[in-house]
């Protein structure tokens, strides 16, 4: 041992310890390299597979849950639920196929990811036609998703972007393996079977719905269904004995026995047009009469719960403002003038919803009504100052008028007729 080594030993250096340290560093570098390789290789693929598993289970369960609680009415909502559930089911099943990795080919996975991205784009374009008026909120995935896919624009955009994440990552992943045409064909066959099954399910529901048709046809302005409580599914069961619908409107809604009686009464009355809020235009058409307005105007589009840009035909702003003014005014003379302007001599009042709708009518008649009454602090003040003075509220209370005679009344509907006084 030379003098330098003796000095180092004397100062506490241990050659065996140094050798162990060198080997430990070598092992650490080797282990670190293996760990990094794992993250870059199988680790990423494992993460991506888990992502597809989570999304697949989520989307398939959402689609099946919605299909399981399907409502037959109204028609447009049934169609929407079937179409969207079918797309989610297809995306979910394809994600599960990627997760199980039946064929270890990134090329096949990338092809399936492209299919999913196309389905996501189609879902966005379709649902964007049926947006709700309310915008993004935190209940997007806990409530709106399971409530007939009711999204605002921002929420829908976020939802589709989230669904695209695992498929974008798969599309950008490095290919490893050759394309398996048999597997691709089998996967496409699975998707075809899914959509064909949904088509058969749709035909079954349509047949069930058509069996309840009581009045009207596909070419008529309305369709009245006598609800079969035994076969009806969903939330409508046991609520109302009838449902009124239309092949071209979103205003279909359940009607009570009292409302049906009002329709039968109105059919037998002579008269011109009917003044009523647009929500009830189908009831008026079913009675063989013509409503002054059949839909809202663009200026009050936000008051519509779920406007559909595919087929909505908005009324002129002036006409809707006039009908709103008829119910929102406190002057019977003003109301008479509006009725004569549109050749209307009948007034249709749905009792259960009328007072809630007056607030919308007041706003449509005067968009500045709320800014001009900032002193109103409570719902009681709002009722006393804004709602109760209106003719709409008085009509709903069954009041007596100078120019309007009450000709029908039950617990659900009141009908007035303009007299010649």
Protein backbone atom coordinates (compact mmCIF):
# COMPACT_ATOMS: atom_id res chain seq x y z
CA UNK A 1 0.00 0.00 0.00
CA UNK A 2 1.56 3.31 -1.07
CA UNK A 3 1.84 6.34 1.14
CA UNK A 4 -1.28 8.05 -0.39
CA UNK A 5 -3.52 5.06 0.31
CA UNK A 6 -2.14 4.72 3.84
CA UNK A 7 -2.95 8.38 4.44
CA UNK A 8 -6.48 7.97 3.11
CA UNK A 9 -7.09 4.87 5.28
CA UNK A 10 -5.72 6.70 8.29
CA UNK A 11 -8.19 9.55 7.53
CA UNK A 12 -11.11 7.04 7.44
CA UNK A 13 -11.37 5.93 3.81
CA UNK A 14 -12.52 2.33 3.26
CA UNK A 15 -11.77 0.75 -0.14
CA UNK A 16 -14.52 -1.90 0.30
CA UNK A 17 -17.12 0.79 1.03
CA UNK A 18 -16.06 2.72 -2.07
CA UNK A 19 -16.49 -0.43 -4.16
CA UNK A 20 -19.98 -0.94 -2.75
CA UNK A 21 -20.87 2.68 -3.48
CA UNK A 22 -19.73 2.32 -7.07
CA UNK A 23 -21.87 -0.81 -7.51
CA UNK A 24 -24.83 0.91 -5.84
CA UNK A 25 -24.57 3.82 -8.28
CA UNK A 26 -24.42 1.35 -11.13
CA UNK A 27 -27.52 -0.45 -9.86
CA UNK A 28 -29.35 2.85 -9.35
CA UNK A 29 -28.60 4.01 -12.89
CA UNK A 30 -29.67 0.64 -14.24
CA UNK A 31 -32.91 0.67 -12.20
CA UNK A 32 -33.64 4.26 -13.17
CA UNK A 33 -33.17 3.42 -16.81
CA UNK A 34 -35.58 0.50 -16.57
CA UNK A 35 -38.12 2.69 -14.76
CA UNK A 36 -37.96 5.42 -17.39
CA UNK A 37 -38.27 2.82 -20.13
CA UNK A 38 -41.32 1.43 -18.40
CA UNK A 39 -42.96 4.86 -18.20
CA UNK A 40 -42.20 5.56 -21.84
CA UNK A 41 -43.27 2.14 -23.02
CA UNK A 42 -45.74 -0.13 -21.30
CA UNK A 43 -46.48 2.44 -18.59
CA UNK A 44 -48.01 4.88 -21.08
CA UNK A 45 -49.92 2.14 -22.84
CA UNK A 46 -51.22 0.91 -19.51
CA UNK A 47 -52.37 4.41 -18.58
CA UNK A 48 -54.04 4.87 -21.95
CA UNK A 49 -55.76 1.50 -21.62
CA UNK A 50 -57.06 2.39 -18.16
CA UNK A 51 -58.34 5.69 -19.56
CA UNK A 52 -60.29 3.84 -22.24
CA UNK A 53 -61.66 1.46 -19.60
CA UNK A 54 -62.97 4.32 -17.44
CA UNK A 55 -64.50 6.15 -20.40
CA UNK A 56 -65.93 2.95 -21.87
CA UNK A 57 -67.68 1.89 -18.65
CA UNK A 58 -68.90 5.47 -18.04
CA UNK A 59 -70.38 5.98 -21.51
CA UNK A 60 -71.93 2.51 -21.80
CA UNK A 61 -73.55 2.77 -18.35
CA UNK A 62 -74.85 6.28 -19.15
CA UNK A 63 -76.37 5.12 -22.43
CA UNK A 64 -77.99 2.03 -20.89
CA UNK A 65 -79.33 4.04 -17.94
CA UNK A 66 -80.97 6.54 -20.30
CA UNK A 67 -82.38 3.83 -22.55
CA UNK A 68 -83.70 2.00 -19.50
CA UNK A 69 -85.81 4.97 -18.36
CA UNK A 70 -87.01 5.92 -21.85
CA UNK A 71 -90.12 8.10 -22.09
CA UNK A 72 -92.37 7.60 -25.12
CA UNK A 73 -93.42 11.24 -25.05
CA UNK A 74 -92.72 13.65 -26.44
CA UNK A 75 -91.57 12.31 -29.78
CA UNK A 76 -88.58 14.61 -30.31
CA UNK A 77 -87.18 13.84 -26.87
CA UNK A 78 -87.51 10.10 -27.45
CA UNK A 79 -85.64 10.47 -30.75
CA UNK A 80 -82.92 12.54 -29.11
CA UNK A 81 -82.38 10.03 -26.31
CA UNK A 82 -82.12 7.13 -28.73
CA UNK A 83 -79.70 8.86 -31.09
CA UNK A 84 -77.39 10.20 -28.39
CA UNK A 85 -77.48 6.98 -26.35
CA UNK A 86 -76.60 5.04 -29.49
CA UNK A 87 -73.58 7.24 -30.17
CA UNK A 88 -72.38 6.99 -26.56
CA UNK A 89 -72.87 3.23 -26.61
CA UNK A 90 -70.79 2.93 -29.79
CA UNK A 91 -67.99 5.11 -28.40
CA UNK A 92 -68.03 3.22 -25.10
CA UNK A 93 -67.87 -0.21 -26.69
CA UNK A 94 -65.06 0.86 -29.01
CA UNK A 95 -63.11 2.19 -26.01
CA UNK A 96 -63.55 -1.16 -24.26
CA UNK A 97 -62.28 -2.93 -27.36
CA UNK A 98 -59.16 -0.77 -27.25
CA UNK A 99 -58.69 -1.44 -23.52
CA UNK A 100 -58.90 -5.23 -23.83
CA UNK A 101 -56.34 -5.04 -26.64
CA UNK A 102 -57.60 -8.13 -28.43
CA UNK A 103 -55.04 -7.51 -31.18
CA UNK A 104 -51.77 -5.84 -30.18
CA UNK A 105 -51.76 -3.39 -33.05
CA UNK A 106 -51.58 0.35 -32.51
CA UNK A 107 -52.68 0.82 -36.11
CA UNK A 108 -55.98 -0.88 -35.35
CA UNK A 109 -56.36 1.17 -32.18
CA UNK A 110 -55.70 4.36 -34.10
CA UNK A 111 -58.34 3.41 -36.65
CA UNK A 112 -60.87 2.85 -33.86
CA UNK A 113 -59.87 6.17 -32.30
CA UNK A 114 -60.64 7.90 -35.60
CA UNK A 115 -64.08 6.25 -35.60
CA UNK A 116 -64.67 7.49 -32.06
CA UNK A 117 -63.57 11.04 -32.89
CA UNK A 118 -65.98 11.07 -35.83
CA UNK A 119 -68.76 9.90 -33.50
CA UNK A 120 -67.85 12.60 -30.96
CA UNK A 121 -68.02 15.26 -33.69
CA UNK A 122 -71.38 13.90 -34.82
CA UNK A 123 -72.65 13.96 -31.23
CA UNK A 124 -71.64 17.61 -30.85
CA UNK A 125 -73.29 18.65 -34.12
CA UNK A 126 -76.49 16.79 -33.23
CA UNK A 127 -76.82 17.96 -29.62
CA UNK A 128 -75.97 21.55 -30.57
CA UNK A 129 -79.41 21.63 -32.21
CA UNK A 130 -81.13 20.98 -28.86
CA UNK A 131 -79.30 23.19 -26.37
CA UNK A 132 -80.93 24.26 -23.13
CA UNK A 133 -81.24 27.97 -22.42
CA UNK A 134 -79.32 27.76 -19.15
CA UNK A 135 -75.55 27.63 -19.52
CA UNK A 136 -72.68 25.77 -17.91
CA UNK A 137 -73.02 24.60 -14.32
CA UNK A 138 -71.27 22.15 -12.03
CA UNK A 139 -74.07 19.59 -12.30
CA UNK A 140 -73.15 18.94 -15.93
CA UNK A 141 -72.14 15.33 -15.36
CA UNK A 142 -74.24 14.55 -12.29
CA UNK A 143 -77.57 15.91 -13.54
CA UNK A 144 -77.71 17.36 -17.06
CA UNK A 145 -76.09 14.34 -18.68
CA UNK A 146 -78.73 12.05 -17.20
CA UNK A 147 -81.60 14.49 -17.80
CA UNK A 148 -82.19 13.86 -21.50
CA UNK A 149 -78.68 15.14 -22.32
CA UNK A 150 -79.61 18.73 -21.52
CA UNK A 151 -76.49 20.79 -22.20
CA UNK A 152 -75.79 24.45 -22.76
CA UNK A 153 -73.24 25.36 -25.42
CA UNK A 154 -70.22 25.62 -23.08
CA UNK A 155 -71.14 22.43 -21.20
CA UNK A 156 -71.63 20.51 -24.46
CA UNK A 157 -68.29 21.69 -25.80
CA UNK A 158 -66.52 20.67 -22.59
CA UNK A 159 -68.27 17.29 -22.52
CA UNK A 160 -67.27 16.40 -26.09
CA UNK A 161 -63.69 17.59 -25.57
CA UNK A 162 -63.37 15.35 -22.50
CA UNK A 163 -64.70 12.38 -24.46
CA UNK A 164 -62.14 13.06 -27.20
CA UNK A 165 -59.10 12.94 -24.86
CA UNK A 166 -58.36 9.17 -24.82
CA UNK A 167 -59.00 8.89 -28.54
CA UNK A 168 -56.70 11.81 -29.39
CA UNK A 169 -53.96 10.23 -27.27
CA UNK A 170 -54.49 6.90 -29.03
CA UNK A 171 -54.41 8.56 -32.44
CA UNK A 172 -51.12 10.32 -31.62
CA UNK A 173 -49.47 7.22 -30.13
CA UNK A 174 -46.63 5.57 -32.08
CA UNK A 175 -47.85 2.66 -34.25
CA UNK A 176 -46.59 -0.78 -33.25
CA UNK A 177 -47.78 -3.71 -35.29
CA UNK A 178 -49.64 -4.38 -38.48
CA UNK A 179 -53.28 -3.72 -39.18
CA UNK A 180 -55.52 -6.71 -38.68
CA UNK A 181 -58.30 -6.44 -41.25
CA UNK A 182 -60.33 -9.26 -39.72
CA UNK A 183 -60.35 -7.56 -36.35
CA UNK A 184 -61.29 -4.22 -37.91
CA UNK A 185 -64.12 -5.86 -39.83
CA UNK A 186 -65.36 -7.57 -36.67
CA UNK A 187 -65.33 -4.25 -34.79
CA UNK A 188 -67.28 -2.50 -37.55
CA UNK A 189 -69.75 -5.37 -37.44
CA UNK A 190 -70.20 -4.84 -33.70
CA UNK A 191 -70.98 -1.15 -34.28
CA UNK A 192 -73.45 -2.05 -37.04
CA UNK A 193 -75.18 -4.51 -34.70
CA UNK A 194 -75.38 -1.83 -31.99
CA UNK A 195 -77.05 0.71 -34.26
CA UNK A 196 -79.29 -1.92 -35.87
CA UNK A 197 -80.43 -3.04 -32.40
CA UNK A 198 -81.22 0.55 -31.46
CA UNK A 199 -83.15 0.90 -34.70
CA UNK A 200 -85.21 -2.14 -33.82
CA UNK A 201 -85.76 -0.76 -30.31
CA UNK A 202 -86.92 2.53 -31.83
CA UNK A 203 -89.43 0.76 -34.07
CA UNK A 204 -90.72 -1.15 -31.05
CA UNK A 205 -91.23 2.07 -29.06
CA UNK A 206 -92.86 3.79 -32.05
CA UNK A 207 -95.30 0.90 -32.44
CA UNK A 208 -96.11 1.06 -28.76
CA UNK A 209 -96.66 4.81 -28.98
CA UNK A 210 -98.79 4.59 -32.14
CA UNK A 211 -101.05 2.06 -30.44
CA UNK A 212 -102.07 4.82 -28.00
CA UNK A 213 -102.99 7.33 -30.75
CA UNK A 214 -106.51 8.59 -30.15
CA UNK A 215 -106.82 11.56 -32.51
CA UNK A 216 -104.84 12.98 -35.39
CA UNK A 217 -102.30 11.45 -37.75
CA UNK A 218 -98.79 12.04 -38.98
CA UNK A 219 -100.03 14.74 -41.38
CA UNK A 220 -102.23 16.60 -38.89
CA UNK A 221 -101.29 19.63 -36.81
CA UNK A 222 -101.52 17.64 -33.59
CA UNK A 223 -101.66 14.10 -32.22
CA UNK A 224 -103.61 13.20 -29.12
CA UNK A 225 -102.64 10.02 -27.26
CA UNK A 226 -104.69 8.14 -24.70
CA UNK A 227 -101.98 6.94 -22.33
CA UNK A 228 -101.89 3.23 -21.56
CA UNK A 229 -100.71 3.05 -17.96
CA UNK A 230 -99.71 -0.58 -18.29
CA UNK A 231 -97.29 -0.21 -21.17
CA UNK A 232 -96.08 3.35 -20.64
CA UNK A 233 -92.52 3.67 -19.40
CA UNK A 234 -90.65 6.45 -17.70
CA UNK A 235 -91.60 9.46 -15.59
CA UNK A 236 -94.97 10.05 -17.31
CA UNK A 237 -96.48 6.87 -15.90
CA UNK A 238 -99.60 7.51 -13.85
CA UNK A 239 -99.42 11.31 -14.12
CA UNK A 240 -101.94 12.25 -16.84
CA UNK A 241 -104.47 10.34 -18.95
CA UNK A 242 -103.55 12.10 -22.23
CA UNK A 243 -100.56 13.46 -24.08
CA UNK A 244 -100.80 15.96 -26.92
CA UNK A 245 -97.97 16.04 -29.43
CA UNK A 246 -97.06 17.26 -32.89
CA UNK A 247 -94.81 15.96 -35.67
CA UNK A 248 -93.10 19.34 -35.97
CA UNK A 249 -93.09 21.04 -32.56
CA UNK A 250 -91.36 20.75 -29.19
CA UNK A 251 -94.43 21.95 -27.30
CA UNK A 252 -95.94 18.51 -26.71
CA UNK A 253 -97.02 18.00 -23.11
CA UNK A 254 -99.31 15.89 -20.90
CA UNK A 255 -102.88 17.06 -20.43
CA UNK A 256 -105.36 16.34 -17.69
CA UNK A 257 -108.92 15.14 -17.91
CA UNK A 258 -110.09 18.70 -17.24
CA UNK A 259 -107.99 20.00 -20.13
CA UNK A 260 -109.44 17.34 -22.41
CA UNK A 261 -112.94 18.49 -21.41
CA UNK A 262 -111.98 22.08 -22.27
CA UNK A 263 -110.79 20.98 -25.71
CA UNK A 264 -114.10 19.19 -26.33
CA UNK A 265 -116.03 22.28 -25.22
CA UNK A 266 -114.00 24.62 -27.39
CA UNK A 267 -114.62 22.46 -30.46
CA UNK A 268 -118.33 23.17 -30.22
CA UNK A 269 -117.96 26.94 -29.91
CA UNK A 270 -118.09 29.36 -32.77
CA UNK A 271 -115.34 31.92 -32.77
CA UNK A 272 -112.26 33.32 -34.38
CA UNK A 273 -108.71 33.10 -33.17
CA UNK A 274 -107.72 32.25 -29.62
CA UNK A 275 -105.47 34.31 -27.35
CA UNK A 276 -103.25 32.06 -25.26
CA UNK A 277 -99.58 31.65 -24.49
CA UNK A 278 -97.69 29.68 -27.13
CA UNK A 279 -97.09 26.65 -24.87
CA UNK A 280 -100.74 25.67 -25.32
CA UNK A 281 -101.11 26.10 -29.08
CA UNK A 282 -101.53 22.34 -29.59
CA UNK A 283 -104.53 22.24 -27.27
CA UNK A 284 -106.12 25.04 -29.29
CA UNK A 285 -105.36 23.31 -32.60
CA UNK A 286 -106.83 20.09 -31.22
CA UNK A 287 -110.02 22.05 -30.53
CA UNK A 288 -110.16 23.08 -34.19
CA UNK A 289 -109.24 26.71 -33.50
CA UNK A 290 -106.31 28.89 -34.52
CA UNK A 291 -104.00 30.36 -31.88
CA UNK A 292 -102.76 33.91 -32.39
CA UNK A 293 -99.20 32.72 -31.63
CA UNK A 294 -97.80 29.20 -31.92
CA UNK A 295 -94.30 29.83 -30.66
CA UNK A 296 -92.07 32.36 -28.93
CA UNK A 297 -90.18 35.18 -30.63
CA UNK A 298 -86.42 35.44 -30.95
CA UNK A 299 -86.37 38.32 -28.47
CA UNK A 300 -87.53 35.94 -25.69
CA UNK A 301 -85.63 32.87 -26.88
CA UNK A 302 -83.95 32.53 -23.49
CA UNK A 303 -87.32 31.91 -21.87
CA UNK A 304 -87.65 28.67 -23.87
CA UNK A 305 -86.32 25.76 -21.85
CA UNK A 306 -84.88 23.89 -24.83
CA UNK A 307 -85.13 25.64 -28.19
CA UNK A 308 -84.40 23.40 -31.18
CA UNK A 309 -82.67 25.17 -34.06
CA UNK A 310 -83.50 22.27 -36.37
CA UNK A 311 -87.14 23.19 -36.76
CA UNK A 312 -88.10 26.11 -34.52
CA UNK A 313 -90.12 28.77 -36.35
CA UNK A 314 -90.16 31.92 -34.29
CA UNK A 315 -93.11 34.30 -34.26
CA UNK A 316 -92.61 38.01 -35.06
CA UNK A 317 -91.45 40.01 -32.04
CA UNK A 318 -94.35 42.43 -32.35
CA UNK A 319 -97.00 39.73 -32.31
CA UNK A 320 -95.55 37.97 -29.25
CA UNK A 321 -95.15 41.33 -27.50
CA UNK A 322 -98.81 42.13 -28.23
CA UNK A 323 -100.06 38.78 -26.89
CA UNK A 324 -97.83 39.27 -23.85
CA UNK A 325 -99.24 42.77 -23.44
CA UNK A 326 -102.77 41.38 -23.58
CA UNK A 327 -102.14 39.30 -20.47
CA UNK A 328 -99.67 41.67 -18.78
CA UNK A 329 -101.77 44.82 -18.99
CA UNK A 330 -104.03 45.98 -16.18
CA UNK A 331 -106.35 47.77 -18.62
CA UNK A 332 -109.29 45.90 -20.07
CA UNK A 333 -109.56 48.49 -22.86
CA UNK A 334 -105.96 47.79 -23.93
CA UNK A 335 -106.68 44.05 -23.91
CA UNK A 336 -109.81 44.54 -26.03
CA UNK A 337 -107.83 46.54 -28.59
CA UNK A 338 -105.19 43.80 -28.90
CA UNK A 339 -107.88 41.12 -29.31
CA UNK A 340 -109.56 43.08 -32.11
CA UNK A 341 -106.20 43.72 -33.81
CA UNK A 342 -105.72 39.99 -34.35
CA UNK A 343 -109.36 39.01 -34.85
CA UNK A 344 -109.41 36.99 -31.64
CA UNK A 345 -112.54 36.57 -29.54
CA UNK A 346 -111.58 33.64 -27.30
CA UNK A 347 -109.16 33.56 -24.36
CA UNK A 348 -107.71 30.24 -23.16
CA UNK A 349 -106.35 30.11 -19.59
CA UNK A 350 -104.50 27.00 -18.25
CA UNK A 351 -105.01 27.49 -14.54
CA UNK A 352 -102.12 25.51 -13.06
CA UNK A 353 -99.35 27.24 -15.00
CA UNK A 354 -100.81 30.63 -15.80
CA UNK A 355 -99.46 32.60 -12.84
CA UNK A 356 -95.95 31.23 -13.40
CA UNK A 357 -96.07 32.28 -17.07
CA UNK A 358 -97.24 35.83 -16.35
CA UNK A 359 -93.71 36.76 -15.28
CA UNK A 360 -92.47 35.78 -18.77
CA UNK A 361 -95.32 37.66 -20.43
CA UNK A 362 -94.56 40.80 -18.43
CA UNK A 363 -90.93 40.60 -19.52
CA UNK A 364 -91.88 40.00 -23.19
CA UNK A 365 -94.24 42.99 -23.13
CA UNK A 366 -91.66 45.24 -21.42
CA UNK A 367 -88.02 44.01 -21.34
CA UNK A 368 -87.14 46.83 -18.92
CA UNK A 369 -89.73 45.82 -16.33
CA UNK A 370 -87.19 44.31 -13.93
CA UNK A 371 -84.65 47.12 -14.13
CA UNK A 372 -87.44 49.64 -13.57
CA UNK A 373 -88.54 47.84 -10.38
CA UNK A 374 -85.29 47.33 -8.51
CA UNK A 375 -87.08 48.09 -5.25
CA UNK A 376 -88.75 44.68 -5.37
CA UNK A 377 -86.86 42.45 -2.93
CA UNK A 378 -89.09 39.47 -2.16
CA UNK A 379 -91.29 37.06 -4.12
CA UNK A 380 -94.28 38.45 -2.20
CA UNK A 381 -93.50 41.98 -3.39
CA UNK A 382 -93.12 40.68 -6.94
CA UNK A 383 -96.49 38.96 -6.78
CA UNK A 384 -98.26 42.01 -5.31
CA UNK A 385 -96.70 44.64 -7.57
CA UNK A 386 -96.15 42.84 -10.88
CA UNK A 387 -98.35 39.75 -11.12
CA UNK A 388 -101.65 40.50 -9.37
CA UNK A 389 -102.47 43.74 -11.24
CA UNK A 390 -102.32 41.94 -14.62
CA UNK A 391 -105.33 40.83 -16.60
CA UNK A 392 -103.74 37.38 -16.88
CA UNK A 393 -103.87 36.94 -13.11
CA UNK A 394 -107.46 38.19 -13.01
CA UNK A 395 -108.47 35.84 -15.83
CA UNK A 396 -106.96 32.95 -13.90
CA UNK A 397 -108.86 34.00 -10.77
CA UNK A 398 -112.16 33.72 -12.61
CA UNK A 399 -112.92 37.43 -12.29
CA UNK A 400 -115.80 39.20 -14.00
CA UNK A 401 -115.02 41.67 -16.83
CA UNK A 402 -116.75 44.32 -18.88
CA UNK A 403 -115.68 43.07 -22.30
CA UNK A 404 -114.99 39.37 -21.64
CA UNK A 405 -117.54 36.76 -20.56
CA UNK A 406 -116.55 33.53 -18.83
CA UNK A 407 -118.00 30.64 -20.85
CA UNK A 408 -116.16 27.62 -19.39
CA UNK A 409 -114.49 26.80 -16.08
CA UNK A 410 -113.18 23.72 -14.32
CA UNK A 411 -110.21 23.07 -12.06
CA UNK A 412 -107.74 23.07 -14.97
CA UNK A 413 -108.98 25.55 -17.60
CA UNK A 414 -110.93 28.79 -17.85
CA UNK A 415 -112.20 30.09 -21.21
CA UNK A 416 -113.46 33.63 -21.86
CA UNK A 417 -115.14 35.09 -24.92
CA UNK A 418 -115.00 38.70 -26.10
CA UNK A 419 -118.54 40.14 -25.96
CA UNK A 420 -120.00 42.77 -28.22
CA UNK A 421 -120.14 45.43 -25.50
